Amino acid sequence: MADNGTGNYGGNGSVWWQQVHGKDTGPPRAIKRWNGTGQRPPKGDDWVRVGDQQDTEVVGHDPVPLNQVGRGQKKGRFEVNLRYTTRQPFAGGGAAMRAVAIQELQELIQSAMAALAKIATASETADVDVTVRGYVPIRQRQEEPPDTGEWEVTVDW
């Protein structure tokens, strides 16, 4: 987990997700629950909005300054990890998963290269926004995903 939190996404016959809030070291930080009505919690508070049964969205807030996001020389950046595997029993494993992993990684490289070309060929003063798109096969676990290390997609901040 990064200095401030982690989001994990994976499967086991359905989709699981987990948000871990707080630093690896130090005391946990209290998260206030806000139902989305009334006054929003103060700007300096850690909060999560979980609405009623009609609300289909979960939104959270961490007041960490952006220059403290990330770690080491990568401050001010999210770290995104995409996990590919050929291990059994995930989505069949073996040769079939190897072919899928190779295809998805090649497409990820193509997407990154297109984004790089767009930024590299723009003038130095141009405002350029790019997206790099990648797909990660969902693992067919028989149990809940583990707390750390085995999720298909992890975002650290």
Protein backbone atom coordinates (compact mmCIF):
# COMPACT_ATOMS: atom_id res chain seq x y z
CA MET A 1 0.00 0.00 0.00
CA ALA A 2 1.15 3.51 -0.72
CA ASP A 3 1.52 6.23 1.86
CA ASN A 4 -2.13 7.30 1.90
CA GLY A 5 -4.34 4.50 0.63
CA THR A 6 -5.04 1.77 -1.89
CA GLY A 7 -7.91 0.72 -4.11
CA ASN A 8 -8.11 -2.92 -5.17
CA TYR A 9 -10.32 -4.56 -7.80
CA GLY A 10 -10.67 -8.25 -8.60
CA GLY A 11 -12.93 -11.21 -9.11
CA ASN A 12 -14.02 -14.60 -7.77
CA GLY A 13 -16.99 -15.36 -9.99
CA SER A 14 -18.22 -11.81 -9.36
CA VAL A 15 -16.53 -8.45 -8.92
CA TRP A 16 -14.95 -7.44 -5.62
CA TRP A 17 -13.50 -4.07 -4.69
CA GLN A 18 -11.79 -2.72 -1.62
CA GLN A 19 -10.61 0.74 -0.58
CA VAL A 20 -8.02 0.89 2.18
CA HIS A 21 -7.66 4.32 3.74
CA GLY A 22 -4.64 5.53 5.65
CA LYS A 23 -0.90 5.19 5.83
CA ASP A 24 1.10 1.97 6.14
CA THR A 25 2.74 3.44 9.22
CA GLY A 26 1.03 5.48 11.87
CA PRO A 27 -2.37 5.38 13.48
CA PRO A 28 -5.49 4.78 11.37
CA ARG A 29 -7.51 7.82 10.44
CA ALA A 30 -11.20 7.98 11.26
CA ILE A 31 -13.50 8.11 8.26
CA LYS A 32 -16.79 9.95 8.67
CA ARG A 33 -19.84 8.57 6.92
CA TRP A 34 -21.93 11.08 4.99
CA ASN A 35 -25.21 10.06 3.38
CA GLY A 36 -25.03 12.80 0.74
CA THR A 37 -27.70 15.01 2.26
CA GLY A 38 -27.24 18.02 4.46
CA GLN A 39 -23.95 19.82 4.81
CA ARG A 40 -20.85 18.13 3.39
CA PRO A 41 -18.22 17.26 6.02
CA PRO A 42 -15.50 19.90 6.50
CA LYS A 43 -12.83 20.06 3.76
CA GLY A 44 -10.12 18.73 6.09
CA ASP A 45 -12.07 15.60 7.06
CA ASP A 46 -11.72 12.07 5.71
CA TRP A 47 -15.19 10.95 4.60
CA VAL A 48 -17.10 8.45 2.53
CA ARG A 49 -20.57 8.92 1.08
CA VAL A 50 -22.67 5.80 1.02
CA GLY A 51 -26.23 6.63 0.10
CA ASP A 52 -29.48 4.79 0.60
CA GLN A 53 -30.68 1.85 -1.50
CA GLN A 54 -31.53 4.09 -4.45
CA ASP A 55 -28.00 5.55 -4.57
CA THR A 56 -25.65 3.56 -6.82
CA GLU A 57 -22.46 5.43 -6.02
CA VAL A 58 -19.84 5.37 -3.29
CA VAL A 59 -17.63 8.47 -3.11
CA GLY A 60 -14.78 9.16 -0.71
CA HIS A 61 -12.52 12.07 0.21
CA ASP A 62 -8.99 12.09 1.61
CA PRO A 63 -7.70 15.58 2.44
CA VAL A 64 -4.08 14.61 1.77
CA PRO A 65 -2.23 17.39 -0.12
CA LEU A 66 -1.48 16.33 -3.69
CA ASN A 67 2.27 16.78 -3.19
CA GLN A 68 2.07 14.02 -0.56
CA VAL A 69 0.36 11.52 -2.85
CA GLY A 70 2.71 8.75 -3.98
CA ARG A 71 6.11 7.82 -2.63
CA GLY A 72 9.78 8.52 -3.12
CA GLN A 73 10.58 10.34 -6.36
CA LYS A 74 7.01 9.76 -7.57
CA LYS A 75 5.24 12.26 -5.31
CA GLY A 76 2.15 13.81 -6.87
CA ARG A 77 1.38 10.64 -8.85
CA PHE A 78 -0.96 7.67 -8.56
CA GLU A 79 0.62 4.25 -8.93
CA VAL A 80 -1.49 1.86 -11.02
CA ASN A 81 -0.63 -1.85 -11.05
CA LEU A 82 -2.22 -4.26 -13.53
CA ARG A 83 -1.66 -7.94 -12.74
CA TYR A 84 -1.57 -10.59 -15.46
CA THR A 85 -1.15 -14.30 -14.78
CA THR A 86 -0.95 -17.63 -16.50
CA ARG A 87 -1.37 -19.55 -13.23
CA GLN A 88 -4.14 -22.07 -12.73
CA PRO A 89 -7.04 -21.84 -11.93
CA PHE A 90 -7.43 -18.20 -12.94
CA ALA A 91 -9.68 -17.96 -16.02
CA GLY A 92 -8.43 -21.35 -17.18
CA GLY A 93 -4.73 -20.56 -16.75
CA GLY A 94 -2.04 -22.09 -18.92
CA ALA A 95 -1.64 -21.47 -22.65
CA ALA A 96 -5.04 -19.79 -23.07
CA MET A 97 -4.27 -17.22 -20.36
CA ARG A 98 -0.78 -16.72 -21.75
CA ALA A 99 -2.25 -15.77 -25.13
CA VAL A 100 -4.77 -13.42 -23.50
CA ALA A 101 -2.07 -11.80 -21.35
CA ILE A 102 0.18 -11.26 -24.38
CA GLN A 103 -2.67 -9.76 -26.41
CA GLU A 104 -3.78 -7.42 -23.61
CA LEU A 105 -0.20 -6.31 -22.88
CA GLN A 106 0.41 -5.61 -26.58
CA GLU A 107 -2.77 -3.50 -26.71
CA LEU A 108 -1.68 -1.68 -23.53
CA ILE A 109 1.67 -0.87 -25.16
CA GLN A 110 -0.11 0.39 -28.29
CA SER A 111 -2.35 2.62 -26.18
CA ALA A 112 0.65 3.97 -24.25
CA MET A 113 2.60 4.58 -27.47
CA ALA A 114 -0.34 6.49 -28.99
CA ALA A 115 -0.57 8.64 -25.85
CA LEU A 116 3.19 9.23 -25.88
CA ALA A 117 3.12 10.21 -29.56
CA LYS A 118 0.29 12.68 -28.95
CA ILE A 119 2.18 14.38 -26.12
CA ALA A 120 5.58 14.24 -27.83
CA THR A 121 4.34 15.78 -31.09
CA ALA A 122 2.32 18.59 -29.48
CA SER A 123 3.95 21.96 -28.99
CA GLU A 124 5.56 22.47 -25.60
CA THR A 125 2.90 25.03 -24.66
CA ALA A 126 -0.08 22.95 -25.80
CA ASP A 127 -2.58 21.59 -23.28
CA VAL A 128 -2.72 17.86 -23.99
CA ASP A 129 -4.82 15.23 -22.21
CA VAL A 130 -4.34 11.56 -23.02
CA THR A 131 -5.71 8.28 -21.71
CA VAL A 132 -3.90 4.96 -21.64
CA ARG A 133 -6.39 2.10 -21.68
CA GLY A 134 -5.60 -1.43 -20.57
CA TYR A 135 -7.64 -4.52 -19.86
CA VAL A 136 -6.84 -7.14 -17.23
CA PRO A 137 -8.45 -10.59 -17.28
CA ILE A 138 -10.59 -11.28 -14.22
CA ARG A 139 -9.38 -14.20 -12.12
CA GLN A 140 -11.76 -17.03 -11.37
CA ARG A 141 -11.09 -17.45 -7.65
CA GLN A 142 -13.09 -19.79 -5.47
CA GLU A 143 -12.58 -17.58 -2.41
CA GLU A 144 -12.63 -13.87 -1.64
CA PRO A 145 -9.64 -11.95 -2.98
CA PRO A 146 -6.83 -11.60 -0.41
CA ASP A 147 -6.19 -8.41 1.53
CA THR A 148 -3.08 -7.51 -0.47
CA GLY A 149 -0.91 -8.58 -3.35
CA GLU A 150 -3.20 -10.66 -5.55
CA TRP A 151 -5.78 -8.21 -6.86
CA GLU A 152 -6.07 -7.74 -10.63
CA VAL A 153 -5.92 -3.93 -10.42
CA THR A 154 -4.43 -1.82 -7.61
CA VAL A 155 -4.29 1.97 -7.38
CA ASP A 156 -2.09 3.48 -4.68
CA TRP A 157 -2.00 7.09 -3.58
